[in-house]
Amino acid sequence: MAEKTTAQNLRFFGKIWGSKSDYYVVEATGAGGEEEGGEEGGDAEPEAGMEAPGTGVNKFTYFVAPSSLTEWTKLPDLSPSDIAASRQVKVAFTGDLNRDIYTNPHFFG
């Protein structure tokens, strides 16, 4: 993973147990400007309500994988309102990043 990212510092953050698969989590700094298929150039303005990569709630970038030997997935940047909304949701982890999540109140992330 280290050779496929522009991250300056990588550290093992932890493991989250899921019902079908587990997540291994890596925390990185300096990995904000490497969106796949995204805008070119590092001077793009963040969307409304979003904080710039490397600051605020996006100070760190997180990668997850079901195993240390599989492909790592970069988790998207968040806004402060995403964090506030996620604190109202109670969902068990499954280990499937593409699974639809149905909650009340509705969570758009």
PDB file of N, CA and C in Angstrom:
ATOM      1  N   MET A   1       0.813  -1.185   0.000  1.00  0.00           N
ATOM      2  CA  MET A   1       0.000   0.000   0.000  1.00  0.00           C
ATOM      3  C   MET A   1       0.863   1.259   0.000  1.00  0.00           C
ATOM      4  N   ALA A   2       1.957   1.227   0.718  1.00  0.00           N
ATOM      5  CA  ALA A   2       2.792   2.430   0.870  1.00  0.00           C
ATOM      6  C   ALA A   2       3.319   2.934  -0.467  1.00  0.00           C
ATOM      7  N   GLU A   3       3.595   2.040  -1.407  1.00  0.00           N
ATOM      8  CA  GLU A   3       4.126   2.506  -2.679  1.00  0.00           C
ATOM      9  C   GLU A   3       3.038   3.003  -3.631  1.00  0.00           C
ATOM     10  N   LYS A   4       1.753   2.792  -3.298  1.00  0.00           N
ATOM     11  CA  LYS A   4       0.650   3.236  -4.153  1.00  0.00           C
ATOM     12  C   LYS A   4       0.005   4.526  -3.667  1.00  0.00           C
ATOM     13  N   THR A   5       0.504   5.150  -2.639  1.00  0.00           N
ATOM     14  CA  THR A   5      -0.097   6.361  -2.097  1.00  0.00           C
ATOM     15  C   THR A   5       0.967   7.435  -1.901  1.00  0.00           C
ATOM     16  N   THR A   6       0.517   8.681  -1.829  1.00  0.00           N
ATOM     17  CA  THR A   6       1.438   9.781  -1.574  1.00  0.00           C
ATOM     18  C   THR A   6       1.507  10.112  -0.092  1.00  0.00           C
ATOM     19  N   ALA A   7       0.951   9.268   0.741  1.00  0.00           N
ATOM     20  CA  ALA A   7       0.930   9.515   2.182  1.00  0.00           C
ATOM     21  C   ALA A   7       2.348   9.595   2.731  1.00  0.00           C
ATOM     22  N   GLN A   8       2.534  10.527   3.661  1.00  0.00           N
ATOM     23  CA  GLN A   8       3.849  10.686   4.268  1.00  0.00           C
ATOM     24  C   GLN A   8       4.019   9.766   5.464  1.00  0.00           C
ATOM     25  N   ASN A   9       2.982   9.598   6.245  1.00  0.00           N
ATOM     26  CA  ASN A   9       3.052   8.750   7.435  1.00  0.00           C
ATOM     27  C   ASN A   9       1.874   7.789   7.441  1.00  0.00           C
ATOM     28  N   LEU A  10       2.155   6.523   7.591  1.00  0.00           N
ATOM     29  CA  LEU A  10       1.117   5.500   7.704  1.00  0.00           C
ATOM     30  C   LEU A  10       1.261   4.832   9.057  1.00  0.00           C
ATOM     31  N   ARG A  11       0.124   4.590   9.712  1.00  0.00           N
ATOM     32  CA  ARG A  11       0.197   3.831  10.961  1.00  0.00           C
ATOM     33  C   ARG A  11      -1.045   2.968  11.089  1.00  0.00           C
ATOM     34  N   PHE A  12      -0.864   1.787  11.660  1.00  0.00           N
ATOM     35  CA  PHE A  12      -1.994   0.895  11.898  1.00  0.00           C
ATOM     36  C   PHE A  12      -2.882   1.546  12.944  1.00  0.00           C
ATOM     37  N   PHE A  13      -4.148   1.752  12.610  1.00  0.00           N
ATOM     38  CA  PHE A  13      -5.073   2.437  13.495  1.00  0.00           C
ATOM     39  C   PHE A  13      -5.890   1.454  14.333  1.00  0.00           C
ATOM     40  N   GLY A  14      -6.248   0.302  13.745  1.00  0.00           N
ATOM     41  CA  GLY A  14      -7.006  -0.675  14.516  1.00  0.00           C
ATOM     42  C   GLY A  14      -7.719  -1.667  13.626  1.00  0.00           C
ATOM     43  N   LYS A  15      -8.528  -2.489  14.274  1.00  0.00           N
ATOM     44  CA  LYS A  15      -9.304  -3.514  13.593  1.00  0.00           C
ATOM     45  C   LYS A  15     -10.739  -3.396  14.058  1.00  0.00           C
ATOM     46  N   ILE A  16     -11.675  -3.450  13.108  1.00  0.00           N
ATOM     47  CA  ILE A  16     -13.095  -3.424  13.425  1.00  0.00           C
ATOM     48  C   ILE A  16     -13.665  -4.778  13.026  1.00  0.00           C
ATOM     49  N   TRP A  17     -14.285  -5.448  13.963  1.00  0.00           N
ATOM     50  CA  TRP A  17     -14.868  -6.748  13.690  1.00  0.00           C
ATOM     51  C   TRP A  17     -16.220  -6.569  13.024  1.00  0.00           C
ATOM     52  N   GLY A  18     -16.470  -7.312  11.950  1.00  0.00           N
ATOM     53  CA  GLY A  18     -17.741  -7.286  11.243  1.00  0.00           C
ATOM     54  C   GLY A  18     -18.374  -8.661  11.243  1.00  0.00           C
ATOM     55  N   SER A  19     -19.643  -8.720  10.884  1.00  0.00           N
ATOM     56  CA  SER A  19     -20.360  -9.999  10.909  1.00  0.00           C
ATOM     57  C   SER A  19     -19.914 -10.939   9.795  1.00  0.00           C
ATOM     58  N   LYS A  20     -19.519 -10.422   8.628  1.00  0.00           N
ATOM     59  CA  LYS A  20     -19.073 -11.265   7.511  1.00  0.00           C
ATOM     60  C   LYS A  20     -17.568 -11.190   7.289  1.00  0.00           C
ATOM     61  N   SER A  21     -16.991 -10.039   7.566  1.00  0.00           N
ATOM     62  CA  SER A  21     -15.570  -9.807   7.350  1.00  0.00           C
ATOM     63  C   SER A  21     -15.117  -8.706   8.296  1.00  0.00           C
ATOM     64  N   ASP A  22     -13.840  -8.632   8.551  1.00  0.00           N
ATOM     65  CA  ASP A  22     -13.299  -7.602   9.428  1.00  0.00           C
ATOM     66  C   ASP A  22     -12.674  -6.488   8.589  1.00  0.00           C
ATOM     67  N   TYR A  23     -12.484  -5.331   9.205  1.00  0.00           N
ATOM     68  CA  TYR A  23     -11.796  -4.214   8.570  1.00  0.00           C
ATOM     69  C   TYR A  23     -10.493  -3.973   9.319  1.00  0.00           C
ATOM     70  N   TYR A  24      -9.401  -3.882   8.604  1.00  0.00           N
ATOM     71  CA  TYR A  24      -8.158  -3.375   9.163  1.00  0.00           C
ATOM     72  C   TYR A  24      -8.073  -1.918   8.729  1.00  0.00           C
ATOM     73  N   VAL A  25      -7.732  -1.028   9.647  1.00  0.00           N
ATOM     74  CA  VAL A  25      -7.768   0.406   9.376  1.00  0.00           C
ATOM     75  C   VAL A  25      -6.363   0.989   9.507  1.00  0.00           C
ATOM     76  N   VAL A  26      -5.964   1.786   8.507  1.00  0.00           N
ATOM     77  CA  VAL A  26      -4.684   2.487   8.510  1.00  0.00           C
ATOM     78  C   VAL A  26      -4.978   3.984   8.447  1.00  0.00           C
ATOM     79  N   GLU A  27      -4.284   4.746   9.293  1.00  0.00           N
ATOM     80  CA  GLU A  27      -4.417   6.199   9.316  1.00  0.00           C
ATOM     81  C   GLU A  27      -3.212   6.794   8.611  1.00  0.00           C
ATOM     82  N   ALA A  28      -3.446   7.795   7.751  1.00  0.00           N
ATOM     83  CA  ALA A  28      -2.361   8.391   6.975  1.00  0.00           C
ATOM     84  C   ALA A  28      -2.447   9.909   7.022  1.00  0.00           C
ATOM     85  N   THR A  29      -1.301  10.564   6.860  1.00  0.00           N
ATOM     86  CA  THR A  29      -1.256  12.007   6.683  1.00  0.00           C
ATOM     87  C   THR A  29      -0.651  12.284   5.315  1.00  0.00           C
ATOM     88  N   GLY A  30      -1.050  13.394   4.721  1.00  0.00           N
ATOM     89  CA  GLY A  30      -0.495  13.769   3.425  1.00  0.00           C
ATOM     90  C   GLY A  30      -1.046  12.980   2.270  1.00  0.00           C
ATOM     91  N   ALA A  31      -2.212  12.342   2.420  1.00  0.00           N
ATOM     92  CA  ALA A  31      -2.784  11.533   1.342  1.00  0.00           C
ATOM     93  C   ALA A  31      -4.006  12.181   0.732  1.00  0.00           C
ATOM     94  N   GLY A  32      -4.232  13.473   0.939  1.00  0.00           N
ATOM     95  CA  GLY A  32      -5.455  14.113   0.504  1.00  0.00           C
ATOM     96  C   GLY A  32      -5.568  14.386  -0.975  1.00  0.00           C
ATOM     97  N   GLY A  33      -4.462  14.553  -1.709  1.00  0.00           N
ATOM     98  CA  GLY A  33      -4.555  14.988  -3.085  1.00  0.00           C
ATOM     99  C   GLY A  33      -4.524  13.914  -4.131  1.00  0.00           C
ATOM    100  N   GLU A  34      -4.801  12.675  -3.810  1.00  0.00           N
ATOM    101  CA  GLU A  34      -4.641  11.597  -4.769  1.00  0.00           C
ATOM    102  C   GLU A  34      -5.941  10.898  -5.094  1.00  0.00           C
ATOM    103  N   GLU A  35      -6.973  11.655  -5.395  1.00  0.00           N
ATOM    104  CA  GLU A  35      -8.262  11.072  -5.742  1.00  0.00           C
ATOM    105  C   GLU A  35      -8.139  10.334  -7.064  1.00  0.00           C
ATOM    106  N   GLU A  36      -8.715   9.115  -7.137  1.00  0.00           N
ATOM    107  CA  GLU A  36      -8.716   8.378  -8.382  1.00  0.00           C
ATOM    108  C   GLU A  36      -9.786   8.950  -9.287  1.00  0.00           C
ATOM    109  N   GLY A  37      -9.415   9.328 -10.490  1.00  0.00           N
ATOM    110  CA  GLY A  37     -10.367   9.859 -11.438  1.00  0.00           C
ATOM    111  C   GLY A  37     -10.899  11.227 -11.054  1.00  0.00           C
ATOM    112  N   GLY A  38     -10.273  11.883 -10.103  1.00  0.00           N
ATOM    113  CA  GLY A  38     -10.750  13.180  -9.624  1.00  0.00           C
ATOM    114  C   GLY A  38     -10.171  14.321 -10.420  1.00  0.00           C
ATOM    115  N   GLU A  39     -10.329  15.512  -9.888  1.00  0.00           N
ATOM    116  CA  GLU A  39      -9.827  16.699 -10.557  1.00  0.00           C
ATOM    117  C   GLU A  39      -8.310  16.711 -10.498  1.00  0.00           C
ATOM    118  N   GLU A  40      -7.721  17.237 -11.540  1.00  0.00           N
ATOM    119  CA  GLU A  40      -6.270  17.324 -11.552  1.00  0.00           C
ATOM    120  C   GLU A  40      -5.825  18.592 -10.864  1.00  0.00           C
ATOM    121  N   GLY A  41      -4.647  18.550 -10.296  1.00  0.00           N
ATOM    122  CA  GLY A  41      -4.127  19.719  -9.594  1.00  0.00           C
ATOM    123  C   GLY A  41      -4.511  19.669  -8.133  1.00  0.00           C
ATOM    124  N   GLY A  42      -3.668  20.214  -7.267  1.00  0.00           N
ATOM    125  CA  GLY A  42      -3.913  20.151  -5.849  1.00  0.00           C
ATOM    126  C   GLY A  42      -4.556  21.399  -5.282  1.00  0.00           C
ATOM    127  N   ASP A  43      -4.913  22.393  -6.132  1.00  0.00           N
ATOM    128  CA  ASP A  43      -5.443  23.650  -5.635  1.00  0.00           C
ATOM    129  C   ASP A  43      -6.957  23.743  -5.746  1.00  0.00           C
ATOM    130  N   ALA A  44      -7.667  22.616  -5.868  1.00  0.00           N
ATOM    131  CA  ALA A  44      -9.117  22.636  -6.000  1.00  0.00           C
ATOM    132  C   ALA A  44      -9.752  23.054  -4.673  1.00  0.00           C
ATOM    133  N   GLU A  45     -10.807  23.872  -4.777  1.00  0.00           N
ATOM    134  CA  GLU A  45     -11.527  24.322  -3.587  1.00  0.00           C
ATOM    135  C   GLU A  45     -12.403  23.193  -3.070  1.00  0.00           C
ATOM    136  N   PRO A  46     -12.514  23.028  -1.744  1.00  0.00           N
ATOM    137  CA  PRO A  46     -13.406  22.002  -1.211  1.00  0.00           C
ATOM    138  C   PRO A  46     -14.862  22.377  -1.450  1.00  0.00           C
ATOM    139  N   GLU A  47     -15.740  21.367  -1.496  1.00  0.00           N
ATOM    140  CA  GLU A  47     -17.169  21.600  -1.681  1.00  0.00           C
ATOM    141  C   GLU A  47     -17.717  22.385  -0.493  1.00  0.00           C
ATOM    142  N   ALA A  48     -18.886  22.967  -0.669  1.00  0.00           N
ATOM    143  CA  ALA A  48     -19.520  23.736   0.402  1.00  0.00           C
ATOM    144  C   ALA A  48     -19.745  22.830   1.614  1.00  0.00           C
ATOM    145  N   GLY A  49     -19.380  23.299   2.794  1.00  0.00           N
ATOM    146  CA  GLY A  49     -19.552  22.521   4.015  1.00  0.00           C
ATOM    147  C   GLY A  49     -18.419  21.553   4.295  1.00  0.00           C
ATOM    148  N   MET A  50     -17.520  21.374   3.328  1.00  0.00           N
ATOM    149  CA  MET A  50     -16.404  20.446   3.499  1.00  0.00           C
ATOM    150  C   MET A  50     -15.177  21.227   3.962  1.00  0.00           C
ATOM    151  N   GLU A  51     -14.373  20.560   4.768  1.00  0.00           N
ATOM    152  CA  GLU A  51     -13.094  21.144   5.162  1.00  0.00           C
ATOM    153  C   GLU A  51     -12.016  20.609   4.227  1.00  0.00           C
ATOM    154  N   ALA A  52     -11.003  21.376   4.000  1.00  0.00           N
ATOM    155  CA  ALA A  52      -9.927  20.987   3.092  1.00  0.00           C
ATOM    156  C   ALA A  52      -9.206  19.748   3.620  1.00  0.00           C
ATOM    157  N   PRO A  53      -8.716  18.891   2.716  1.00  0.00           N
ATOM    158  CA  PRO A  53      -7.932  17.745   3.163  1.00  0.00           C
ATOM    159  C   PRO A  53      -6.743  18.189   4.002  1.00  0.00           C
ATOM    160  N   GLY A  54      -6.473  17.483   5.073  1.00  0.00           N
ATOM    161  CA  GLY A  54      -5.360  17.807   5.958  1.00  0.00           C
ATOM    162  C   GLY A  54      -5.722  18.773   7.064  1.00  0.00           C
ATOM    163  N   THR A  55      -6.995  19.211   7.129  1.00  0.00           N
ATOM    164  CA  THR A  55      -7.426  20.128   8.176  1.00  0.00           C
ATOM    165  C   THR A  55      -8.726  19.626   8.799  1.00  0.00           C
ATOM    166  N   GLY A  56      -9.000  20.082  10.008  1.00  0.00           N
ATOM    167  CA  GLY A  56     -10.265  19.774  10.686  1.00  0.00           C
ATOM    168  C   GLY A  56     -10.572  18.286  10.754  1.00  0.00           C
ATOM    169  N   VAL A  57     -11.812  17.926  10.391  1.00  0.00           N
ATOM    170  CA  VAL A  57     -12.214  16.517  10.463  1.00  0.00           C
ATOM    171  C   VAL A  57     -11.506  15.675   9.416  1.00  0.00           C
ATOM    172  N   ASN A  58     -10.885  16.306   8.428  1.00  0.00           N
ATOM    173  CA  ASN A  58     -10.139  15.590   7.398  1.00  0.00           C
ATOM    174  C   ASN A  58      -8.629  15.687   7.593  1.00  0.00           C
ATOM    175  N   LYS A  59      -8.219  15.869   8.852  1.00  0.00           N
ATOM    176  CA  LYS A  59      -6.787  15.969   9.145  1.00  0.00           C
ATOM    177  C   LYS A  59      -6.059  14.696   8.723  1.00  0.00           C
ATOM    178  N   PHE A  60      -6.699  13.556   8.929  1.00  0.00           N
ATOM    179  CA  PHE A  60      -6.118  12.273   8.555  1.00  0.00           C
ATOM    180  C   PHE A  60      -6.945  11.650   7.433  1.00  0.00           C
ATOM    181  N   THR A  61      -6.314  10.792   6.667  1.00  0.00           N
ATOM    182  CA  THR A  61      -6.985  10.001   5.650  1.00  0.00           C
ATOM    183  C   THR A  61      -6.958   8.556   6.136  1.00  0.00           C
ATOM    184  N   TYR A  62      -8.065   7.852   5.941  1.00  0.00           N
ATOM    185  CA  TYR A  62      -8.160   6.475   6.427  1.00  0.00           C
ATOM    186  C   TYR A  62      -8.329   5.519   5.261  1.00  0.00           C
ATOM    187  N   PHE A  63      -7.640   4.385   5.367  1.00  0.00           N
ATOM    188  CA  PHE A  63      -7.730   3.304   4.403  1.00  0.00           C
ATOM    189  C   PHE A  63      -8.196   2.055   5.142  1.00  0.00           C
ATOM    190  N   VAL A  64      -9.034   1.232   4.498  1.00  0.00           N
ATOM    191  CA  VAL A  64      -9.503  -0.013   5.109  1.00  0.00           C
ATOM    192  C   VAL A  64      -9.307  -1.165   4.143  1.00  0.00           C
ATOM    193  N   ALA A  65      -9.162  -2.358   4.700  1.00  0.00           N
ATOM    194  CA  ALA A  65      -9.035  -3.576   3.911  1.00  0.00           C
ATOM    195  C   ALA A  65      -9.457  -4.760   4.775  1.00  0.00           C
ATOM    196  N   PRO A  66      -9.991  -5.820   4.160  1.00  0.00           N
ATOM    197  CA  PRO A  66     -10.361  -7.000   4.930  1.00  0.00           C
ATOM    198  C   PRO A  66      -9.151  -7.819   5.376  1.00  0.00           C
ATOM    199  N   SER A  67      -8.008  -7.577   4.763  1.00  0.00           N
ATOM    200  CA  SER A  67      -6.778  -8.281   5.102  1.00  0.00           C
ATOM    201  C   SER A  67      -5.609  -7.377   4.721  1.00  0.00           C
ATOM    202  N   SER A  68      -4.502  -7.536   5.383  1.00  0.00           N
ATOM    203  CA  SER A  68      -3.337  -6.705   5.060  1.00  0.00           C
ATOM    204  C   SER A  68      -2.748  -7.041   3.695  1.00  0.00           C
ATOM    205  N   LEU A  69      -3.144  -8.174   3.115  1.00  0.00           N
ATOM    206  CA  LEU A  69      -2.612  -8.601   1.825  1.00  0.00           C
ATOM    207  C   LEU A  69      -3.531  -8.260   0.663  1.00  0.00           C
ATOM    208  N   THR A  70      -4.700  -7.678   0.921  1.00  0.00           N
ATOM    209  CA  THR A  70      -5.638  -7.331  -0.138  1.00  0.00           C
ATOM    210  C   THR A  70      -5.538  -5.847  -0.478  1.00  0.00           C
ATOM    211  N   GLU A  71      -6.295  -5.426  -1.470  1.00  0.00           N
ATOM    212  CA  GLU A  71      -6.308  -4.028  -1.908  1.00  0.00           C
ATOM    213  C   GLU A  71      -6.912  -3.129  -0.834  1.00  0.00           C
ATOM    214  N   TRP A  72      -6.271  -1.988  -0.566  1.00  0.00           N
ATOM    215  CA  TRP A  72      -6.750  -1.036   0.438  1.00  0.00           C
ATOM    216  C   TRP A  72      -7.680  -0.032  -0.225  1.00  0.00           C
ATOM    217  N   THR A  73      -8.750   0.339   0.482  1.00  0.00           N
ATOM    218  CA  THR A  73      -9.731   1.291  -0.014  1.00  0.00           C
ATOM    219  C   THR A  73      -9.629   2.581   0.789  1.00  0.00           C
ATOM    220  N   LYS A  74      -9.482   3.719   0.084  1.00  0.00           N
ATOM    221  CA  LYS A  74      -9.431   5.022   0.746  1.00  0.00           C
ATOM    222  C   LYS A  74     -10.860   5.438   1.085  1.00  0.00           C
ATOM    223  N   LEU A  75     -11.103   5.791   2.330  1.00  0.00           N
ATOM    224  CA  LEU A  75     -12.419   6.259   2.735  1.00  0.00           C
ATOM    225  C   LEU A  75     -12.579   7.721   2.333  1.00  0.00           C
ATOM    226  N   PRO A  76     -13.795   8.139   1.988  1.00  0.00           N
ATOM    227  CA  PRO A  76     -13.991   9.519   1.518  1.00  0.00           C
ATOM    228  C   PRO A  76     -13.826  10.539   2.640  1.00  0.00           C
ATOM    229  N   ASP A  77     -13.529  11.782   2.241  1.00  0.00           N
ATOM    230  CA  ASP A  77     -13.473  12.882   3.195  1.00  0.00           C
ATOM    231  C   ASP A  77     -14.878  13.178   3.704  1.00  0.00           C
ATOM    232  N   LEU A  78     -14.962  13.768   4.890  1.00  0.00           N
ATOM    233  CA  LEU A  78     -16.245  14.045   5.536  1.00  0.00           C
ATOM    234  C   LEU A  78     -16.396  15.522   5.824  1.00  0.00           C
ATOM    235  N   SER A  79     -17.643  15.918   6.058  1.00  0.00           N
ATOM    236  CA  SER A  79     -17.922  17.266   6.534  1.00  0.00           C
ATOM    237  C   SER A  79     -18.304  17.159   8.007  1.00  0.00           C
ATOM    238  N   PRO A  80     -18.226  18.243   8.759  1.00  0.00           N
ATOM    239  CA  PRO A  80     -18.643  18.193  10.169  1.00  0.00           C
ATOM    240  C   PRO A  80     -20.095  17.734  10.323  1.00  0.00           C
ATOM    241  N   SER A  81     -20.973  18.074   9.360  1.00  0.00           N
ATOM    242  CA  SER A  81     -22.367  17.629   9.460  1.00  0.00           C
ATOM    243  C   SER A  81     -22.487  16.118   9.255  1.00  0.00           C
ATOM    244  N   ASP A  82     -21.596  15.503   8.457  1.00  0.00           N
ATOM    245  CA  ASP A  82     -21.578  14.044   8.314  1.00  0.00           C
ATOM    246  C   ASP A  82     -21.272  13.381   9.648  1.00  0.00           C
ATOM    247  N   ILE A  83     -20.323  13.928  10.380  1.00  0.00           N
ATOM    248  CA  ILE A  83     -19.948  13.358  11.680  1.00  0.00           C
ATOM    249  C   ILE A  83     -21.113  13.478  12.659  1.00  0.00           C
ATOM    250  N   ALA A  84     -21.771  14.635  12.687  1.00  0.00           N
ATOM    251  CA  ALA A  84     -22.912  14.831  13.588  1.00  0.00           C
ATOM    252  C   ALA A  84     -24.041  13.861  13.249  1.00  0.00           C
ATOM    253  N   ALA A  85     -24.328  13.661  11.964  1.00  0.00           N
ATOM    254  CA  ALA A  85     -25.394  12.743  11.549  1.00  0.00           C
ATOM    255  C   ALA A  85     -25.033  11.296  11.876  1.00  0.00           C
ATOM    256  N   SER A  86     -23.778  10.918  11.716  1.00  0.00           N
ATOM    257  CA  SER A  86     -23.378   9.530  11.968  1.00  0.00           C
ATOM    258  C   SER A  86     -23.486   9.155  13.444  1.00  0.00           C
ATOM    259  N   ARG A  87     -23.412  10.135  14.327  1.00  0.00           N
ATOM    260  CA  ARG A  87     -23.518   9.859  15.764  1.00  0.00           C
ATOM    261  C   ARG A  87     -24.930   9.484  16.177  1.00  0.00           C
ATOM    262  N   GLN A  88     -25.911   9.718  15.315  1.00  0.00           N
ATOM    263  CA  GLN A  88     -27.287   9.362  15.609  1.00  0.00           C
ATOM    264  C   GLN A  88     -27.648   7.973  15.088  1.00  0.00           C
ATOM    265  N   VAL A  89     -26.739   7.324  14.385  1.00  0.00           N
ATOM    266  CA  VAL A  89     -27.014   6.050  13.725  1.00  0.00           C
ATOM    267  C   VAL A  89     -26.361   4.905  14.500  1.00  0.00           C
ATOM    268  N   LYS A  90     -27.101   3.824  14.671  1.00  0.00           N
ATOM    269  CA  LYS A  90     -26.579   2.610  15.296  1.00  0.00           C
ATOM    270  C   LYS A  90     -26.702   1.471  14.289  1.00  0.00           C
ATOM    271  N   VAL A  91     -25.566   1.035  13.733  1.00  0.00           N
ATOM    272  CA  VAL A  91     -25.545  -0.018  12.732  1.00  0.00           C
ATOM    273  C   VAL A  91     -24.384  -0.949  13.037  1.00  0.00           C
ATOM    274  N   ALA A  92     -24.624  -2.254  12.903  1.00  0.00           N
ATOM    275  CA  ALA A  92     -23.551  -3.236  13.077  1.00  0.00           C
ATOM    276  C   ALA A  92     -22.708  -3.295  11.803  1.00  0.00           C
ATOM    277  N   PHE A  93     -21.404  -3.425  11.957  1.00  0.00           N
ATOM    278  CA  PHE A  93     -20.511  -3.542  10.809  1.00  0.00           C
ATOM    279  C   PHE A  93     -20.641  -4.935  10.208  1.00  0.00           C
ATOM    280  N   THR A  94     -20.681  -4.997   8.863  1.00  0.00           N
ATOM    281  CA  THR A  94     -20.762  -6.283   8.175  1.00  0.00           C
ATOM    282  C   THR A  94     -19.428  -6.665   7.550  1.00  0.00           C
ATOM    283  N   GLY A  95     -18.626  -5.694   7.187  1.00  0.00           N
ATOM    284  CA  GLY A  95     -17.387  -5.964   6.472  1.00  0.00           C
ATOM    285  C   GLY A  95     -17.534  -5.717   4.982  1.00  0.00           C
ATOM    286  N   ASP A  96     -18.707  -5.254   4.539  1.00  0.00           N
ATOM    287  CA  ASP A  96     -18.976  -4.962   3.140  1.00  0.00           C
ATOM    288  C   ASP A  96     -19.118  -3.453   2.975  1.00  0.00           C
ATOM    289  N   LEU A  97     -18.137  -2.804   2.347  1.00  0.00           N
ATOM    290  CA  LEU A  97     -18.166  -1.356   2.182  1.00  0.00           C
ATOM    291  C   LEU A  97     -19.239  -0.884   1.210  1.00  0.00           C
ATOM    292  N   ASN A  98     -19.726  -1.768   0.342  1.00  0.00           N
ATOM    293  CA  ASN A  98     -20.713  -1.391  -0.667  1.00  0.00           C
ATOM    294  C   ASN A  98     -22.146  -1.712  -0.258  1.00  0.00           C
ATOM    295  N   ARG A  99     -22.346  -2.212   0.931  1.00  0.00           N
ATOM    296  CA  ARG A  99     -23.686  -2.572   1.403  1.00  0.00           C
ATOM    297  C   ARG A  99     -24.523  -1.312   1.628  1.00  0.00           C
ATOM    298  N   ASP A 100     -25.798  -1.371   1.230  1.00  0.00           N
ATOM    299  CA  ASP A 100     -26.723  -0.270   1.513  1.00  0.00           C
ATOM    300  C   ASP A 100     -27.054  -0.280   2.999  1.00  0.00           C
ATOM    301  N   ILE A 101     -27.136   0.912   3.582  1.00  0.00           N
ATOM    302  CA  ILE A 101     -27.442   1.041   5.004  1.00  0.00           C
ATOM    303  C   ILE A 101     -28.765   1.771   5.135  1.00  0.00           C
ATOM    304  N   TYR A 102     -29.730   1.124   5.797  1.00  0.00           N
ATOM    305  CA  TYR A 102     -31.040   1.722   6.020  1.00  0.00           C
ATOM    306  C   TYR A 102     -31.141   2.099   7.484  1.00  0.00           C
ATOM    307  N   THR A 103     -31.307   3.392   7.758  1.00  0.00           N
ATOM    308  CA  THR A 103     -31.339   3.871   9.141  1.00  0.00           C
ATOM    309  C   THR A 103     -32.466   4.874   9.331  1.00  0.00           C
ATOM    310  N   ASN A 104     -32.792   5.099  10.568  1.00  0.00           N
ATOM    311  CA  ASN A 104     -33.722   6.160  10.941  1.00  0.00           C
ATOM    312  C   ASN A 104     -33.101   6.923  12.093  1.00  0.00           C
ATOM    313  N   PRO A 105     -32.693   8.176  11.907  1.00  0.00           N
ATOM    314  CA  PRO A 105     -32.869   9.041  10.744  1.00  0.00           C
ATOM    315  C   PRO A 105     -31.990   8.594   9.574  1.00  0.00           C
ATOM    316  N   HIS A 106     -32.388   8.961   8.365  1.00  0.00           N
ATOM    317  CA  HIS A 106     -31.671   8.565   7.167  1.00  0.00           C
ATOM    318  C   HIS A 106     -30.268   9.160   7.163  1.00  0.00           C
ATOM    319  N   PHE A 107     -29.291   8.331   6.819  1.00  0.00           N
ATOM    320  CA  PHE A 107     -27.895   8.771   6.712  1.00  0.00           C
ATOM    321  C   PHE A 107     -27.495   8.727   5.259  1.00  0.00           C
ATOM    322  N   PHE A 108     -27.040   9.855   4.704  1.00  0.00           N
ATOM    323  CA  PHE A 108     -26.725   9.945   3.286  1.00  0.00           C
ATOM    324  C   PHE A 108     -25.330   9.451   2.949  1.00  0.00           C
ATOM    325  N   GLY A 109     -24.505   9.128   3.931  1.00  0.00           N
ATOM    326  CA  GLY A 109     -23.132   8.674   3.666  1.00  0.00           C
ATOM    327  C   GLY A 109     -23.120   7.248   3.363  1.00  0.00           C
TER     328      GLY A 109
END
